[in-house]
């Protein structure tokens, strides 16, 4: 396991530190009893391993908070043994169809005919000896498919989980086939200690509750879609929702889809929250929210940051749910332990011995606004970025401005206005484009910015409401903006200087002049630190005459080693480097295979190392990062010891990134310690 997850020891240390930190006095939570919200692992760590498998449950316990609740969806075999498995049929999450190809059946369930392989048609021995588990969501790793068999409730109890939650989804269906979930649960040994029993069927909960009056087990009523009818009362769940007082008569809490609390509009943006949590708490009902996963479509408000979604439910100013049911319990644990209730907390200073890494933008907060626009920079400053950046481009008439690419068709509406300007410039890129140096500044100003994320074609759009928002920023405007903020530094990036010189455009002169006019060439004062960045050593050499500037070499290509001669050559021109993630962590088949020694060799030569670009979209992350951008942050911050992290995270991404780095950093301080 350690070779498969080379940073696992680090992550476990962080959560061990979180456990220690949580022992310290903290403000009271807005849960029903004032305790912090529970993390409930649906089928274990089902975002990584096959649902309800041994590895899934074990990993949930080892990578989450110490009091994680393990969630078991109860299935019964034909001879009445309880298994944990989500879903009514087994063919999508097991290889049962290969083991028993002719045993599929069709049953009417809740008025609907369902065809498949049902657990109740097989003996416990048949399931236990012949059926292996697979990942049922195809975007998740298939590495562990077929490696583990069905897991019984007794097996789960044998792992000695801190808390156990049993969900009975189809009690009436089982009863129709002469199987009783009620008898099974009531017949469990006392040492099984089931903390929670949930069901969407009122009749089942009432029957079980009547016989568990002296038990500490909590009964939880699970709400399905609002338009679905509940079996016992024949009322829809929407109707029952309006009469929570009746639920209090047979349950101590409710389990609802997360949209019951924060509704989602058709445009995928959040609407105002409902009063459900407060209403339920007023009646003495706990509220648990379900449907959390890192690798599914979520509201654009979260900018693909799953931690931000958890905080919406546990860390907002008005209420907190009592627990979240998730496929990714480590992420929920991190949100509870490290991020909740941190708003307004000062960040520790970056840099220095043991200091946190710098938070460096990539074209501003380009995950929420079009890159390099005034709005992207303003958002980055608001979110707490340490360094804001400007990738300098040149117009045909010599105006220097900030833009993610020299090819304007990738970040503006140029393709709709200047199709006649399309050309191929091999010195810039292999494909054709519409380039800034072929348009005058007045022509460029007729365009609109365009927010295009790297995974738009895969359906992961970035903040469509701001698709064409903001205005272009010239280099002088960027420098003035930086001076008017509290950022500690700026990066000015220069590419293709030699090509532009052939076109009569002096990139170095334009940048030098703008910096001098803004007084950045003068030592001392209170201006932000200036870094000049380029992939061209001759450009960096041209700035040697400015001792106040830090020169940074941009290493564009992916490298796996940094030889002593190459490092010494870099030191002739630069005091720092920016490197891509692939030069630090090598990936094969979406899993990390090794960390290179590039950062170590650079550090040994006293070169500062900045790593990027970090993005929130789960498709950007190797499976080792658990579809959680903060796990990647922790890896580069505390394993690689990067001096700075370059990110285009938006919608508070820089803020969450900074808070995550700061919180994880604080957990490693001696004052918290690891006990």
Foldseek 3Di string as FASTA:
>chain_A
DCLLQVCVVVLLLLLLLLQLLVVDDDAFFQFLVRDAFAAEAQQALLLAFQRVFPCRNVVNCRRFHVQHEYEFEWAAALVGFTFGDPDFACVLWKVVCVQPVPQWDWDQALNRIDIHHGRHSHHPCCQQPGMWTARNDVVYDRVCHPVTGIGTLVNSVVVVHSAYEYEHERQVVCVVSVHHPLCSVVPDDPSSHHQEYEYCAPVSLQVNCVVCVVPNHFYEHEADDQQRAHPPPRHGSVVVLVVCLVVVVRGQAYEYEPCQFFPADPVLATDDGDCSSVVCSVNRYAYEYEDQALADDHRLLCLSFSLVVQCVAGADPPHHHNYYYYSHNSSNRCSRSFPHPCPPPDFDDADDVLGFAAAEEQQALLLAAQGQFPVSNVQNLVLPHQEYEFAWFAALVAFTFGHNFQFQVVWKVCCVPPVVQWDADVVRHGDIGRGRSDHHPVRVQVIFTARDDPCVVVVSGHNPVNGRDGGTGTPLRVQVVQQVGDHQEYEYEYEPQVVVVVSVHHPLVNVVVSCVVSVVLDPDDDGHQYEYEYCDLVSLVVCPVRVSYFYEHEDPDAAQDQDPVNLVVVVVRGQEYEHEPCNAFPDDPLTTSDGGCHLVVNVVVNHAYEYDDQHLNLVVHRVSQSSHSLSVLSCCCPVSVHNHYYYSNGSSGSNVSSSSSRSSSVSPDVVSDRD
